[in-house]
Amino acid sequence: HDAFGPDLEVYAYADHPLRTEAIEDGDTVVIGDE
């Protein structure tokens, strides 16, 4: 996070100080080009 800046999005199911996006079962996320 420090290396790539404050705009880095962090997806996680459980809470984390750096989490920006909460994900749940059935959600979709884009990884690379998929």
All heavy atoms as atom14 arrays in JSON, in Angstrom:
{
  "sequence": "HDAFGPDLEVYAYADHPLRTEAIEDGDTVVIGDE",
  "atom14_mask": [
    [1, 1, 1, 1, 1, 1, 1, 1, 1, 1, 0, 0, 0, 0],
    [1, 1, 1, 1, 1, 1, 1, 1, 0, 0, 0, 0, 0, 0],
    [1, 1, 1, 1, 1, 0, 0, 0, 0, 0, 0, 0, 0, 0],
    [1, 1, 1, 1, 1, 1, 1, 1, 1, 1, 1, 0, 0, 0],
    [1, 1, 1, 1, 0, 0, 0, 0, 0, 0, 0, 0, 0, 0],
    [1, 1, 1, 1, 1, 1, 1, 0, 0, 0, 0, 0, 0, 0],
    [1, 1, 1, 1, 1, 1, 1, 1, 0, 0, 0, 0, 0, 0],
    [1, 1, 1, 1, 1, 1, 1, 1, 0, 0, 0, 0, 0, 0],
    [1, 1, 1, 1, 1, 1, 1, 1, 1, 0, 0, 0, 0, 0],
    [1, 1, 1, 1, 1, 1, 1, 0, 0, 0, 0, 0, 0, 0],
    [1, 1, 1, 1, 1, 1, 1, 1, 1, 1, 1, 1, 0, 0],
    [1, 1, 1, 1, 1, 0, 0, 0, 0, 0, 0, 0, 0, 0],
    [1, 1, 1, 1, 1, 1, 1, 1, 1, 1, 1, 1, 0, 0],
    [1, 1, 1, 1, 1, 0, 0, 0, 0, 0, 0, 0, 0, 0],
    [1, 1, 1, 1, 1, 1, 1, 1, 0, 0, 0, 0, 0, 0],
    [1, 1, 1, 1, 1, 1, 1, 1, 1, 1, 0, 0, 0, 0],
    [1, 1, 1, 1, 1, 1, 1, 0, 0, 0, 0, 0, 0, 0],
    [1, 1, 1, 1, 1, 1, 1, 1, 0, 0, 0, 0, 0, 0],
    [1, 1, 1, 1, 1, 1, 1, 1, 1, 1, 1, 0, 0, 0],
    [1, 1, 1, 1, 1, 1, 1, 0, 0, 0, 0, 0, 0, 0],
    [1, 1, 1, 1, 1, 1, 1, 1, 1, 0, 0, 0, 0, 0],
    [1, 1, 1, 1, 1, 0, 0, 0, 0, 0, 0, 0, 0, 0],
    [1, 1, 1, 1, 1, 1, 1, 1, 0, 0, 0, 0, 0, 0],
    [1, 1, 1, 1, 1, 1, 1, 1, 1, 0, 0, 0, 0, 0],
    [1, 1, 1, 1, 1, 1, 1, 1, 0, 0, 0, 0, 0, 0],
    [1, 1, 1, 1, 0, 0, 0, 0, 0, 0, 0, 0, 0, 0],
    [1, 1, 1, 1, 1, 1, 1, 1, 0, 0, 0, 0, 0, 0],
    [1, 1, 1, 1, 1, 1, 1, 0, 0, 0, 0, 0, 0, 0],
    [1, 1, 1, 1, 1, 1, 1, 0, 0, 0, 0, 0, 0, 0],
    [1, 1, 1, 1, 1, 1, 1, 0, 0, 0, 0, 0, 0, 0],
    [1, 1, 1, 1, 1, 1, 1, 1, 0, 0, 0, 0, 0, 0],
    [1, 1, 1, 1, 0, 0, 0, 0, 0, 0, 0, 0, 0, 0],
    [1, 1, 1, 1, 1, 1, 1, 1, 0, 0, 0, 0, 0, 0],
    [1, 1, 1, 1, 1, 1, 1, 1, 1, 0, 0, 0, 0, 0]
  ],
  "atom14_positions": [
    [[0.83, -1.21, 0.0], [0.0, 0.0, 0.0], [0.87, 1.25, 0.0], [0.61, 2.21, -0.75], [-0.93, -0.02, 1.22], [-1.93, 1.08, 1.24], [-1.68, 2.32, 1.81], [-3.18, 1.16, 0.73], [-2.73, 3.09, 1.7], [-3.66, 2.42, 1.03], [0.0, 0.0, 0.0], [0.0, 0.0, 0.0], [0.0, 0.0, 0.0], [0.0, 0.0, 0.0]],
    [[1.9, 1.26, 0.8], [2.8, 2.42, 0.85], [3.5, 2.63, -0.49], [3.7, 3.77, -0.92], [3.85, 2.22, 1.95], [3.27, 2.32, 3.35], [2.13, 2.82, 3.49], [3.95, 1.91, 4.3], [0.0, 0.0, 0.0], [0.0, 0.0, 0.0], [0.0, 0.0, 0.0], [0.0, 0.0, 0.0], [0.0, 0.0, 0.0], [0.0, 0.0, 0.0]],
    [[3.83, 1.55, -1.15], [4.57, 1.65, -2.4], [3.73, 2.15, -3.56], [4.23, 2.85, -4.45], [5.17, 0.29, -2.76], [0.0, 0.0, 0.0], [0.0, 0.0, 0.0], [0.0, 0.0, 0.0], [0.0, 0.0, 0.0], [0.0, 0.0, 0.0], [0.0, 0.0, 0.0], [0.0, 0.0, 0.0], [0.0, 0.0, 0.0], [0.0, 0.0, 0.0]],
    [[2.43, 1.82, -3.55], [1.6, 2.14, -4.71], [0.54, 3.19, -4.45], [-0.27, 3.49, -5.33], [0.98, 0.85, -5.26], [2.0, -0.04, -5.92], [2.61, -1.05, -5.2], [2.39, 0.17, -7.23], [3.58, -1.86, -5.79], [3.34, -0.62, -7.82], [3.94, -1.63, -7.11], [0.0, 0.0, 0.0], [0.0, 0.0, 0.0], [0.0, 0.0, 0.0]],
    [[0.57, 3.78, -3.27], [-0.2, 4.99, -3.06], [-1.58, 4.79, -2.46], [-2.13, 3.69, -2.42], [0.0, 0.0, 0.0], [0.0, 0.0, 0.0], [0.0, 0.0, 0.0], [0.0, 0.0, 0.0], [0.0, 0.0, 0.0], [0.0, 0.0, 0.0], [0.0, 0.0, 0.0], [0.0, 0.0, 0.0], [0.0, 0.0, 0.0], [0.0, 0.0, 0.0]],
    [[-2.14, 5.9, -1.98], [-3.41, 5.86, -1.25], [-4.61, 5.48, -2.11], [-5.67, 5.16, -1.58], [-3.56, 7.29, -0.73], [-2.76, 8.13, -1.68], [-1.59, 7.27, -2.08], [0.0, 0.0, 0.0], [0.0, 0.0, 0.0], [0.0, 0.0, 0.0], [0.0, 0.0, 0.0], [0.0, 0.0, 0.0], [0.0, 0.0, 0.0], [0.0, 0.0, 0.0]],
    [[-4.48, 5.53, -3.43], [-5.6, 5.17, -4.3], [-5.69, 3.67, -4.57], [-6.61, 3.22, -5.26], [-5.49, 5.91, -5.64], [-5.65, 7.42, -5.48], [-6.35, 7.83, -4.53], [-5.09, 8.17, -6.29], [0.0, 0.0, 0.0], [0.0, 0.0, 0.0], [0.0, 0.0, 0.0], [0.0, 0.0, 0.0], [0.0, 0.0, 0.0], [0.0, 0.0, 0.0]],
    [[-4.76, 2.9, -4.03], [-4.8, 1.45, -4.21], [-6.06, 0.89, -3.56], [-6.35, 1.16, -2.39], [-3.56, 0.81, -3.57], [-3.41, -0.7, -3.75], [-3.1, -1.05, -5.2], [-2.32, -1.23, -2.83], [0.0, 0.0, 0.0], [0.0, 0.0, 0.0], [0.0, 0.0, 0.0], [0.0, 0.0, 0.0], [0.0, 0.0, 0.0], [0.0, 0.0, 0.0]],
    [[-6.83, 0.12, -4.31], [-8.04, -0.48, -3.78], [-7.69, -1.82, -3.12], [-6.94, -2.62, -3.69], [-9.06, -0.69, -4.89], [-9.54, 0.62, -5.51], [-10.57, 0.4, -6.6], [-10.86, -0.77, -6.95], [-11.09, 1.4, -7.12], [0.0, 0.0, 0.0], [0.0, 0.0, 0.0], [0.0, 0.0, 0.0], [0.0, 0.0, 0.0], [0.0, 0.0, 0.0]],
    [[-8.24, -2.05, -1.95], [-7.99, -3.29, -1.21], [-9.33, -3.96, -0.94], [-10.19, -3.41, -0.25], [-7.25, -3.02, 0.11], [-7.07, -4.33, 0.9], [-5.9, -2.37, -0.15], [0.0, 0.0, 0.0], [0.0, 0.0, 0.0], [0.0, 0.0, 0.0], [0.0, 0.0, 0.0], [0.0, 0.0, 0.0], [0.0, 0.0, 0.0], [0.0, 0.0, 0.0]],
    [[-9.5, -5.15, -1.5], [-10.73, -5.91, -1.37], [-10.54, -7.01, -0.33], [-9.58, -7.78, -0.4], [-11.1, -6.56, -2.7], [-11.48, -5.6, -3.79], [-10.51, -4.86, -4.47], [-12.81, -5.42, -4.17], [-10.85, -3.98, -5.49], [-13.17, -4.55, -5.18], [-12.18, -3.84, -5.84], [-12.53, -2.96, -6.84], [0.0, 0.0, 0.0], [0.0, 0.0, 0.0]],
    [[-11.46, -7.11, 0.62], [-11.36, -8.14, 1.65], [-12.74, -8.43, 2.2], [-13.62, -7.56, 2.23], [-10.43, -7.69, 2.78], [0.0, 0.0, 0.0], [0.0, 0.0, 0.0], [0.0, 0.0, 0.0], [0.0, 0.0, 0.0], [0.0, 0.0, 0.0], [0.0, 0.0, 0.0], [0.0, 0.0, 0.0], [0.0, 0.0, 0.0], [0.0, 0.0, 0.0]],
    [[-12.92, -9.67, 2.65], [-14.2, -10.06, 3.26], [-14.33, -9.47, 4.66], [-15.36, -8.88, 5.01], [-14.29, -11.59, 3.31], [-15.61, -12.11, 3.85], [-16.67, -12.36, 2.99], [-15.76, -12.36, 5.21], [-17.88, -12.84, 3.49], [-16.96, -12.84, 5.72], [-18.02, -13.08, 4.85], [-19.21, -13.56, 5.35], [0.0, 0.0, 0.0], [0.0, 0.0, 0.0]],
    [[-13.29, -9.63, 5.47], [-13.31, -9.12, 6.84], [-12.7, -7.73, 6.91], [-11.97, -7.3, 6.01], [-12.55, -10.08, 7.76], [0.0, 0.0, 0.0], [0.0, 0.0, 0.0], [0.0, 0.0, 0.0], [0.0, 0.0, 0.0], [0.0, 0.0, 0.0], [0.0, 0.0, 0.0], [0.0, 0.0, 0.0], [0.0, 0.0, 0.0], [0.0, 0.0, 0.0]],
    [[-12.98, -7.05, 7.98], [-12.47, -5.69, 8.16], [-10.94, -5.69, 8.25], [-10.33, -6.64, 8.75], [-13.06, -5.08, 9.43], [-12.8, -3.58, 9.52], [-12.65, -2.93, 8.46], [-12.75, -3.06, 10.65], [0.0, 0.0, 0.0], [0.0, 0.0, 0.0], [0.0, 0.0, 0.0], [0.0, 0.0, 0.0], [0.0, 0.0, 0.0], [0.0, 0.0, 0.0]],
    [[-10.35, -4.65, 7.7], [-8.91, -4.43, 7.78], [-8.7, -2.93, 7.68], [-9.43, -2.25, 6.93], [-8.18, -5.16, 6.65], [-6.69, -5.11, 6.77], [-5.94, -3.99, 6.42], [-5.8, -6.04, 7.21], [-4.67, -4.24, 6.64], [-4.55, -5.47, 7.12], [0.0, 0.0, 0.0], [0.0, 0.0, 0.0], [0.0, 0.0, 0.0], [0.0, 0.0, 0.0]],
    [[-7.72, -2.37, 8.41], [-7.5, -0.91, 8.35], [-7.3, -0.37, 6.94], [-7.6, 0.8, 6.68], [-6.25, -0.72, 9.21], [-6.24, -1.88, 10.15], [-6.82, -3.02, 9.38], [0.0, 0.0, 0.0], [0.0, 0.0, 0.0], [0.0, 0.0, 0.0], [0.0, 0.0, 0.0], [0.0, 0.0, 0.0], [0.0, 0.0, 0.0], [0.0, 0.0, 0.0]],
    [[-6.78, -1.19, 6.03], [-6.52, -0.72, 4.67], [-7.6, -1.13, 3.68], [-7.51, -0.78, 2.5], [-5.16, -1.26, 4.19], [-3.94, -0.72, 4.95], [-2.66, -1.39, 4.43], [-3.83, 0.8, 4.81], [0.0, 0.0, 0.0], [0.0, 0.0, 0.0], [0.0, 0.0, 0.0], [0.0, 0.0, 0.0], [0.0, 0.0, 0.0], [0.0, 0.0, 0.0]],
    [[-8.59, -1.85, 4.15], [-9.66, -2.28, 3.23], [-10.44, -1.07, 2.71], [-10.86, -0.22, 3.47], [-10.63, -3.23, 3.94], [-11.7, -3.8, 3.01], [-12.65, -4.74, 3.72], [-13.56, -4.03, 4.61], [-14.57, -4.61, 5.28], [-14.77, -5.92, 5.16], [-15.35, -3.91, 6.08], [0.0, 0.0, 0.0], [0.0, 0.0, 0.0], [0.0, 0.0, 0.0]],
    [[-10.61, -1.02, 1.39], [-11.44, 0.02, 0.78], [-12.73, -0.54, 0.22], [-13.7, 0.2, 0.03], [-10.68, 0.73, -0.36], [-10.38, -0.22, -1.4], [-9.39, 1.36, 0.14], [0.0, 0.0, 0.0], [0.0, 0.0, 0.0], [0.0, 0.0, 0.0], [0.0, 0.0, 0.0], [0.0, 0.0, 0.0], [0.0, 0.0, 0.0], [0.0, 0.0, 0.0]],
    [[-12.75, -1.86, -0.06], [-13.92, -2.49, -0.64], [-14.24, -3.78, 0.11], [-13.41, -4.69, 0.15], [-13.68, -2.83, -2.13], [-13.21, -1.67, -2.98], [-14.29, -0.64, -3.21], [-15.5, -1.0, -3.07], [-13.95, 0.51, -3.53], [0.0, 0.0, 0.0], [0.0, 0.0, 0.0], [0.0, 0.0, 0.0], [0.0, 0.0, 0.0], [0.0, 0.0, 0.0]],
    [[-15.41, -3.83, 0.72], [-15.85, -5.06, 1.38], [-16.47, -5.98, 0.32], [-17.26, -5.54, -0.51], [-16.87, -4.76, 2.46], [0.0, 0.0, 0.0], [0.0, 0.0, 0.0], [0.0, 0.0, 0.0], [0.0, 0.0, 0.0], [0.0, 0.0, 0.0], [0.0, 0.0, 0.0], [0.0, 0.0, 0.0], [0.0, 0.0, 0.0], [0.0, 0.0, 0.0]],
    [[-16.08, -7.25, 0.34], [-16.63, -8.21, -0.61], [-17.39, -9.3, 0.13], [-17.05, -9.67, 1.25], [-15.53, -8.83, -1.51], [-14.38, -9.42, -0.68], [-15.04, -7.83, -2.52], [-13.31, -10.11, -1.52], [0.0, 0.0, 0.0], [0.0, 0.0, 0.0], [0.0, 0.0, 0.0], [0.0, 0.0, 0.0], [0.0, 0.0, 0.0], [0.0, 0.0, 0.0]],
    [[-18.44, -9.78, -0.52], [-19.28, -10.82, 0.05], [-19.53, -11.9, -0.99], [-19.26, -11.71, -2.18], [-20.63, -10.23, 0.51], [-20.52, -9.17, 1.58], [-21.88, -8.64, 1.99], [-22.88, -9.02, 1.34], [-21.95, -7.86, 2.95], [0.0, 0.0, 0.0], [0.0, 0.0, 0.0], [0.0, 0.0, 0.0], [0.0, 0.0, 0.0], [0.0, 0.0, 0.0]],
    [[-20.05, -13.03, -0.53], [-20.38, -14.11, -1.43], [-21.32, -13.61, -2.53], [-22.31, -12.93, -2.25], [-21.06, -15.24, -0.66], [-21.31, -16.46, -1.51], [-20.34, -17.16, -1.82], [-22.48, -16.71, -1.87], [0.0, 0.0, 0.0], [0.0, 0.0, 0.0], [0.0, 0.0, 0.0], [0.0, 0.0, 0.0], [0.0, 0.0, 0.0], [0.0, 0.0, 0.0]],
    [[-20.99, -13.92, -3.77], [-21.82, -13.51, -4.89], [-21.4, -12.22, -5.54], [-21.91, -11.88, -6.62], [0.0, 0.0, 0.0], [0.0, 0.0, 0.0], [0.0, 0.0, 0.0], [0.0, 0.0, 0.0], [0.0, 0.0, 0.0], [0.0, 0.0, 0.0], [0.0, 0.0, 0.0], [0.0, 0.0, 0.0], [0.0, 0.0, 0.0], [0.0, 0.0, 0.0]],
    [[-20.49, -11.48, -4.92], [-19.97, -10.26, -5.55], [-19.07, -10.64, -6.73], [-18.67, -11.8, -6.88], [-19.15, -9.44, -4.54], [-20.02, -8.72, -3.53], [-21.26, -8.69, -3.72], [-19.47, -8.2, -2.54], [0.0, 0.0, 0.0], [0.0, 0.0, 0.0], [0.0, 0.0, 0.0], [0.0, 0.0, 0.0], [0.0, 0.0, 0.0], [0.0, 0.0, 0.0]],
    [[-18.73, -9.66, -7.53], [-17.76, -9.86, -8.6], [-16.63, -8.86, -8.45], [-16.84, -7.72, -8.01], [-18.4, -9.7, -9.99], [-18.98, -8.4, -10.11], [-19.47, -10.75, -10.22], [0.0, 0.0, 0.0], [0.0, 0.0, 0.0], [0.0, 0.0, 0.0], [0.0, 0.0, 0.0], [0.0, 0.0, 0.0], [0.0, 0.0, 0.0], [0.0, 0.0, 0.0]],
    [[-15.43, -9.29, -8.8], [-14.26, -8.41, -8.8], [-13.5, -8.64, -10.1], [-13.49, -9.75, -10.64], [-13.33, -8.66, -7.59], [-14.02, -8.32, -6.29], [-12.83, -10.09, -7.58], [0.0, 0.0, 0.0], [0.0, 0.0, 0.0], [0.0, 0.0, 0.0], [0.0, 0.0, 0.0], [0.0, 0.0, 0.0], [0.0, 0.0, 0.0], [0.0, 0.0, 0.0]],
    [[-12.85, -7.59, -10.59], [-12.04, -7.71, -11.79], [-10.59, -7.9, -11.37], [-10.04, -7.09, -10.6], [-12.17, -6.46, -12.68], [-11.21, -6.55, -13.87], [-13.61, -6.33, -13.18], [0.0, 0.0, 0.0], [0.0, 0.0, 0.0], [0.0, 0.0, 0.0], [0.0, 0.0, 0.0], [0.0, 0.0, 0.0], [0.0, 0.0, 0.0], [0.0, 0.0, 0.0]],
    [[-9.99, -8.97, -11.85], [-8.58, -9.27, -11.61], [-7.93, -9.37, -12.98], [-8.31, -10.24, -13.78], [-8.4, -10.58, -10.83], [-9.07, -10.48, -9.45], [-6.92, -10.92, -10.68], [-9.13, -11.8, -8.7], [0.0, 0.0, 0.0], [0.0, 0.0, 0.0], [0.0, 0.0, 0.0], [0.0, 0.0, 0.0], [0.0, 0.0, 0.0], [0.0, 0.0, 0.0]],
    [[-6.99, -8.5, -13.26], [-6.39, -8.49, -14.58], [-7.41, -8.12, -15.63], [-8.02, -7.05, -15.57], [0.0, 0.0, 0.0], [0.0, 0.0, 0.0], [0.0, 0.0, 0.0], [0.0, 0.0, 0.0], [0.0, 0.0, 0.0], [0.0, 0.0, 0.0], [0.0, 0.0, 0.0], [0.0, 0.0, 0.0], [0.0, 0.0, 0.0], [0.0, 0.0, 0.0]],
    [[-7.66, -9.03, -16.56], [-8.64, -8.76, -17.61], [-9.84, -9.7, -17.53], [-10.56, -9.9, -18.51], [-7.99, -8.85, -19.0], [-7.34, -10.21, -19.25], [-7.44, -11.1, -18.38], [-6.73, -10.37, -20.33], [0.0, 0.0, 0.0], [0.0, 0.0, 0.0], [0.0, 0.0, 0.0], [0.0, 0.0, 0.0], [0.0, 0.0, 0.0], [0.0, 0.0, 0.0]],
    [[-10.08, -10.3, -16.35], [-11.21, -11.19, -16.17], [-12.07, -10.79, -14.99], [-11.58, -10.21, -14.01], [-10.74, -12.63, -15.98], [-10.11, -13.27, -17.21], [-9.88, -14.76, -17.01], [-10.86, -15.49, -16.76], [-8.72, -15.18, -17.08], [0.0, 0.0, 0.0], [0.0, 0.0, 0.0], [0.0, 0.0, 0.0], [0.0, 0.0, 0.0], [0.0, 0.0, 0.0]]
  ]
}
